């Protein structure tokens, strides 16, 4: 995590202190994929509020790996808006007449790659794609990149209106 200026800061992840030099802070040990980071900043008596920092705090995170068998809310991504890449290798002894990818529960746009080639984009039901021409005998690498809308993020913004999904 990087702060935009030299200030006195106390940084913790799930109550465990990080070490830093006044601008850059790192955990002593690897933190859990889902943790709460707390930043307490003080700049003396002359400076307070938004005047403490002219630029935003920046977080640098490694590549995240999610567990597809576990609900996304339990992995710290309840309000995530953006893209997620799912990858799977499938072994085919022989090619059948047609190979169709069907997504039973998909409520966002999906970009599909098979063996590194772009196979198609799915944006509306039925979420099906004929990938026969992309498949081969043996190992086939599938990548599905899904992108949702800002709906999840917008739920975190306080409003005077009542919104129920």
C-alpha atoms as a PDB file:
ATOM      1  CA  UNK A   1       0.000   0.000   0.000  1.00  0.00           C
ATOM      2  CA  UNK A   2       1.337   3.438  -0.907  1.00  0.00           C
ATOM      3  CA  UNK A   3       0.409   6.755   0.671  1.00  0.00           C
ATOM      4  CA  UNK A   4       0.737   9.901  -1.475  1.00  0.00           C
ATOM      5  CA  UNK A   5       2.737  11.839   1.106  1.00  0.00           C
ATOM      6  CA  UNK A   6       4.779  11.386   4.264  1.00  0.00           C
ATOM      7  CA  UNK A   7       2.344  11.187   7.165  1.00  0.00           C
ATOM      8  CA  UNK A   8       2.152   9.300  10.410  1.00  0.00           C
ATOM      9  CA  UNK A   9       0.129   6.202   9.667  1.00  0.00           C
ATOM     10  CA  UNK A  10      -0.897   3.021  11.386  1.00  0.00           C
ATOM     11  CA  UNK A  11      -1.847   0.242   8.947  1.00  0.00           C
ATOM     12  CA  UNK A  12      -3.390  -3.077   9.984  1.00  0.00           C
ATOM     13  CA  UNK A  13      -5.000  -6.040   8.222  1.00  0.00           C
ATOM     14  CA  UNK A  14      -7.496  -7.877  10.429  1.00  0.00           C
ATOM     15  CA  UNK A  15      -5.843  -6.261  13.469  1.00  0.00           C
ATOM     16  CA  UNK A  16      -2.262  -7.277  12.548  1.00  0.00           C
ATOM     17  CA  UNK A  17       0.140  -4.330  12.098  1.00  0.00           C
ATOM     18  CA  UNK A  18       2.054  -3.719   8.848  1.00  0.00           C
ATOM     19  CA  UNK A  19       5.519  -2.211   8.691  1.00  0.00           C
ATOM     20  CA  UNK A  20       6.297   0.903   6.679  1.00  0.00           C
ATOM     21  CA  UNK A  21       8.502   3.908   6.096  1.00  0.00           C
ATOM     22  CA  UNK A  22       5.839   6.650   6.091  1.00  0.00           C
ATOM     23  CA  UNK A  23       4.862   6.175   2.430  1.00  0.00           C
ATOM     24  CA  UNK A  24       4.900   2.445   1.654  1.00  0.00           C
ATOM     25  CA  UNK A  25       3.447  -0.210   3.937  1.00  0.00           C
ATOM     26  CA  UNK A  26       3.622  -4.009   3.672  1.00  0.00           C
ATOM     27  CA  UNK A  27       2.380  -6.842   5.848  1.00  0.00           C
ATOM     28  CA  UNK A  28       4.956  -8.838   7.807  1.00  0.00           C
ATOM     29  CA  UNK A  29       3.295 -12.015   6.574  1.00  0.00           C
ATOM     30  CA  UNK A  30       0.985 -12.889   3.698  1.00  0.00           C
ATOM     31  CA  UNK A  31      -2.549 -11.795   4.538  1.00  0.00           C
ATOM     32  CA  UNK A  32      -5.717 -13.778   3.934  1.00  0.00           C
ATOM     33  CA  UNK A  33      -7.360 -13.249   0.525  1.00  0.00           C
ATOM     34  CA  UNK A  34     -10.289 -11.623   2.295  1.00  0.00           C
ATOM     35  CA  UNK A  35      -9.278  -9.207   5.039  1.00  0.00           C
ATOM     36  CA  UNK A  36     -10.193  -5.804   6.382  1.00  0.00           C
ATOM     37  CA  UNK A  37      -7.442  -3.200   6.054  1.00  0.00           C
ATOM     38  CA  UNK A  38      -7.512  -0.314   8.495  1.00  0.00           C
ATOM     39  CA  UNK A  39      -5.513   2.889   7.896  1.00  0.00           C
ATOM     40  CA  UNK A  40      -5.241   5.554  10.596  1.00  0.00           C
ATOM     41  CA  UNK A  41      -3.492   8.745   9.460  1.00  0.00           C
ATOM     42  CA  UNK A  42      -2.398  11.776  11.452  1.00  0.00           C
ATOM     43  CA  UNK A  43      -0.602  14.846  10.177  1.00  0.00           C
ATOM     44  CA  UNK A  44      -0.187  17.040  13.210  1.00  0.00           C
ATOM     45  CA  UNK A  45      -2.358  19.862  14.485  1.00  0.00           C
ATOM     46  CA  UNK A  46      -2.011  22.145  11.438  1.00  0.00           C
ATOM     47  CA  UNK A  47      -3.319  19.699   8.855  1.00  0.00           C
ATOM     48  CA  UNK A  48      -6.469  17.589   9.020  1.00  0.00           C
ATOM     49  CA  UNK A  49      -9.237  16.082   6.908  1.00  0.00           C
ATOM     50  CA  UNK A  50      -8.834  15.977   3.119  1.00  0.00           C
ATOM     51  CA  UNK A  51      -5.826  18.326   3.336  1.00  0.00           C
ATOM     52  CA  UNK A  52      -3.736  15.426   4.712  1.00  0.00           C
ATOM     53  CA  UNK A  53      -3.343  13.934   1.241  1.00  0.00           C
ATOM     54  CA  UNK A  54      -3.618  15.453  -2.204  1.00  0.00           C
ATOM     55  CA  UNK A  55      -3.843  12.063  -3.959  1.00  0.00           C
ATOM     56  CA  UNK A  56      -5.604   8.767  -3.202  1.00  0.00           C
ATOM     57  CA  UNK A  57      -4.141   5.870  -1.244  1.00  0.00           C
ATOM     58  CA  UNK A  58      -2.964   3.129  -3.636  1.00  0.00           C
ATOM     59  CA  UNK A  59      -3.200  -0.596  -2.960  1.00  0.00           C
ATOM     60  CA  UNK A  60      -1.073  -3.072  -4.910  1.00  0.00           C
ATOM     61  CA  UNK A  61      -2.343  -6.634  -4.840  1.00  0.00           C
ATOM     62  CA  UNK A  62      -1.103  -9.806  -6.431  1.00  0.00           C
ATOM     63  CA  UNK A  63      -3.153 -11.912  -8.785  1.00  0.00           C
ATOM     64  CA  UNK A  64      -6.246 -13.184  -7.049  1.00  0.00           C
ATOM     65  CA  UNK A  65      -7.427 -16.760  -7.290  1.00  0.00           C
ATOM     66  CA  UNK A  66     -11.031 -17.538  -6.452  1.00  0.00           C
ATOM     67  CA  UNK A  67     -12.593 -20.838  -5.528  1.00  0.00           C
ATOM     68  CA  UNK A  68     -15.484 -21.534  -7.919  1.00  0.00           C
ATOM     69  CA  UNK A  69     -17.030 -23.925  -5.393  1.00  0.00           C
ATOM     70  CA  UNK A  70     -17.368 -21.188  -2.766  1.00  0.00           C
ATOM     71  CA  UNK A  71     -19.810 -18.232  -2.891  1.00  0.00           C
ATOM     72  CA  UNK A  72     -18.145 -15.026  -4.057  1.00  0.00           C
ATOM     73  CA  UNK A  73     -19.427 -13.174  -0.954  1.00  0.00           C
ATOM     74  CA  UNK A  74     -17.287 -15.429   1.266  1.00  0.00           C
ATOM     75  CA  UNK A  75     -14.196 -14.519  -0.752  1.00  0.00           C
ATOM     76  CA  UNK A  76     -14.353 -10.773  -0.131  1.00  0.00           C
ATOM     77  CA  UNK A  77     -15.919  -9.985  -3.514  1.00  0.00           C
ATOM     78  CA  UNK A  78     -19.521  -9.271  -2.514  1.00  0.00           C
ATOM     79  CA  UNK A  79     -19.521  -5.836  -4.170  1.00  0.00           C
ATOM     80  CA  UNK A  80     -16.980  -6.570  -6.929  1.00  0.00           C
ATOM     81  CA  UNK A  81     -17.624  -4.968 -10.308  1.00  0.00           C
ATOM     82  CA  UNK A  82     -15.351  -5.852 -13.181  1.00  0.00           C
ATOM     83  CA  UNK A  83     -14.036  -8.971 -14.863  1.00  0.00           C
ATOM     84  CA  UNK A  84     -13.105 -12.442 -13.666  1.00  0.00           C
ATOM     85  CA  UNK A  85     -11.305 -15.094 -15.725  1.00  0.00           C
ATOM     86  CA  UNK A  86     -12.244 -18.756 -15.283  1.00  0.00           C
ATOM     87  CA  UNK A  87      -9.899 -21.386 -16.753  1.00  0.00           C
ATOM     88  CA  UNK A  88     -10.272 -25.124 -17.190  1.00  0.00           C
ATOM     89  CA  UNK A  89      -8.560 -27.841 -19.206  1.00  0.00           C
ATOM     90  CA  UNK A  90     -10.759 -30.483 -20.797  1.00  0.00           C
ATOM     91  CA  UNK A  91      -9.485 -33.710 -22.340  1.00  0.00           C
ATOM     92  CA  UNK A  92     -11.357 -35.061 -25.353  1.00  0.00           C
ATOM     93  CA  UNK A  93     -10.583 -38.576 -26.573  1.00  0.00           C
ATOM     94  CA  UNK A  94     -12.531 -37.897 -29.751  1.00  0.00           C
ATOM     95  CA  UNK A  95     -14.511 -35.023 -31.188  1.00  0.00           C
ATOM     96  CA  UNK A  96     -18.229 -35.627 -31.355  1.00  0.00           C
ATOM     97  CA  UNK A  97     -20.493 -34.077 -33.940  1.00  0.00           C
ATOM     98  CA  UNK A  98     -20.694 -30.697 -32.197  1.00  0.00           C
ATOM     99  CA  UNK A  99     -19.331 -29.200 -29.006  1.00  0.00           C
ATOM    100  CA  UNK A 100     -21.636 -26.626 -27.417  1.00  0.00           C
ATOM    101  CA  UNK A 101     -20.802 -24.613 -24.309  1.00  0.00           C
ATOM    102  CA  UNK A 102     -23.964 -23.913 -22.297  1.00  0.00           C
ATOM    103  CA  UNK A 103     -24.069 -21.652 -19.272  1.00  0.00           C
ATOM    104  CA  UNK A 104     -27.152 -22.314 -17.160  1.00  0.00           C
ATOM    105  CA  UNK A 105     -26.670 -19.429 -14.732  1.00  0.00           C
ATOM    106  CA  UNK A 106     -24.930 -16.495 -16.328  1.00  0.00           C
ATOM    107  CA  UNK A 107     -26.163 -12.950 -15.801  1.00  0.00           C
ATOM    108  CA  UNK A 108     -23.352 -10.955 -17.365  1.00  0.00           C
ATOM    109  CA  UNK A 109     -21.304 -10.727 -20.548  1.00  0.00           C
ATOM    110  CA  UNK A 110     -18.807 -13.529 -21.237  1.00  0.00           C
ATOM    111  CA  UNK A 111     -15.858 -13.673 -23.622  1.00  0.00           C
ATOM    112  CA  UNK A 112     -14.879 -17.262 -24.478  1.00  0.00           C
ATOM    113  CA  UNK A 113     -11.431 -18.467 -25.589  1.00  0.00           C
ATOM    114  CA  UNK A 114     -10.658 -22.040 -26.595  1.00  0.00           C
ATOM    115  CA  UNK A 115      -7.004 -23.066 -26.977  1.00  0.00           C
ATOM    116  CA  UNK A 116      -5.978 -19.399 -27.043  1.00  0.00           C
ATOM    117  CA  UNK A 117      -8.348 -18.464 -29.889  1.00  0.00           C
ATOM    118  CA  UNK A 118     -11.320 -16.184 -29.385  1.00  0.00           C
ATOM    119  CA  UNK A 119     -14.385 -18.407 -29.778  1.00  0.00           C
ATOM    120  CA  UNK A 120     -17.121 -15.832 -29.198  1.00  0.00           C
ATOM    121  CA  UNK A 121     -18.947 -13.426 -26.919  1.00  0.00           C
ATOM    122  CA  UNK A 122     -22.150 -14.139 -25.005  1.00  0.00           C
ATOM    123  CA  UNK A 123     -24.257 -11.152 -23.944  1.00  0.00           C
ATOM    124  CA  UNK A 124     -27.832 -12.458 -23.722  1.00  0.00           C
ATOM    125  CA  UNK A 125     -29.751 -15.715 -23.236  1.00  0.00           C
ATOM    126  CA  UNK A 126     -29.529 -18.386 -24.353  1.00  0.00           C
ATOM    127  CA  UNK A 127     -25.941 -18.425 -23.173  1.00  0.00           C
ATOM    128  CA  UNK A 128     -24.727 -21.054 -25.650  1.00  0.00           C
ATOM    129  CA  UNK A 129     -21.761 -21.123 -27.989  1.00  0.00           C
ATOM    130  CA  UNK A 130     -20.765 -23.673 -30.630  1.00  0.00           C
ATOM    131  CA  UNK A 131     -17.009 -24.200 -30.142  1.00  0.00           C
ATOM    132  CA  UNK A 132     -16.632 -27.257 -32.390  1.00  0.00           C
ATOM    133  CA  UNK A 133     -14.195 -25.519 -34.770  1.00  0.00           C
ATOM    134  CA  UNK A 134     -11.928 -24.495 -31.870  1.00  0.00           C
ATOM    135  CA  UNK A 135     -11.700 -27.923 -30.223  1.00  0.00           C
ATOM    136  CA  UNK A 136      -9.196 -30.710 -30.936  1.00  0.00           C
ATOM    137  CA  UNK A 137      -8.508 -34.228 -29.774  1.00  0.00           C
ATOM    138  CA  UNK A 138      -6.536 -34.275 -26.542  1.00  0.00           C
ATOM    139  CA  UNK A 139      -6.192 -31.359 -24.160  1.00  0.00           C
ATOM    140  CA  UNK A 140      -8.302 -28.237 -24.713  1.00  0.00           C
ATOM    141  CA  UNK A 141      -7.809 -25.082 -22.674  1.00  0.00           C
ATOM    142  CA  UNK A 142     -10.961 -23.047 -21.980  1.00  0.00           C
ATOM    143  CA  UNK A 143     -10.934 -19.477 -20.696  1.00  0.00           C
ATOM    144  CA  UNK A 144     -14.153 -17.655 -19.923  1.00  0.00           C
ATOM    145  CA  UNK A 145     -13.834 -13.988 -19.005  1.00  0.00           C
ATOM    146  CA  UNK A 146     -17.024 -12.617 -17.463  1.00  0.00           C
ATOM    147  CA  UNK A 147     -17.736  -8.930 -16.908  1.00  0.00           C
ATOM    148  CA  UNK A 148     -20.567  -7.688 -14.755  1.00  0.00           C
ATOM    149  CA  UNK A 149     -21.972  -4.192 -14.500  1.00  0.00           C
ATOM    150  CA  UNK A 150     -21.456  -1.539 -11.823  1.00  0.00           C
ATOM    151  CA  UNK A 151     -24.612  -2.807 -10.062  1.00  0.00           C
ATOM    152  CA  UNK A 152     -22.642  -4.520  -7.268  1.00  0.00           C
ATOM    153  CA  UNK A 153     -20.481  -1.463  -6.649  1.00  0.00           C
ATOM    154  CA  UNK A 154     -23.462   0.907  -6.733  1.00  0.00           C
ATOM    155  CA  UNK A 155     -25.009  -1.014  -3.821  1.00  0.00           C
ATOM    156  CA  UNK A 156     -22.193   0.281  -1.592  1.00  0.00           C
ATOM    157  CA  UNK A 157     -23.038   3.944  -2.192  1.00  0.00           C
ATOM    158  CA  UNK A 158     -25.365   5.459   0.433  1.00  0.00           C
ATOM    159  CA  UNK A 159     -28.585   6.855  -0.982  1.00  0.00           C
ATOM    160  CA  UNK A 160     -31.793   8.408   0.285  1.00  0.00           C
ATOM    161  CA  UNK A 161     -33.749   6.193  -2.113  1.00  0.00           C
ATOM    162  CA  UNK A 162     -34.725   2.656  -1.252  1.00  0.00           C
ATOM    163  CA  UNK A 163     -33.378   0.088  -3.711  1.00  0.00           C
ATOM    164  CA  UNK A 164     -34.193  -3.583  -3.470  1.00  0.00           C
ATOM    165  CA  UNK A 165     -32.704  -6.078  -5.870  1.00  0.00           C
END
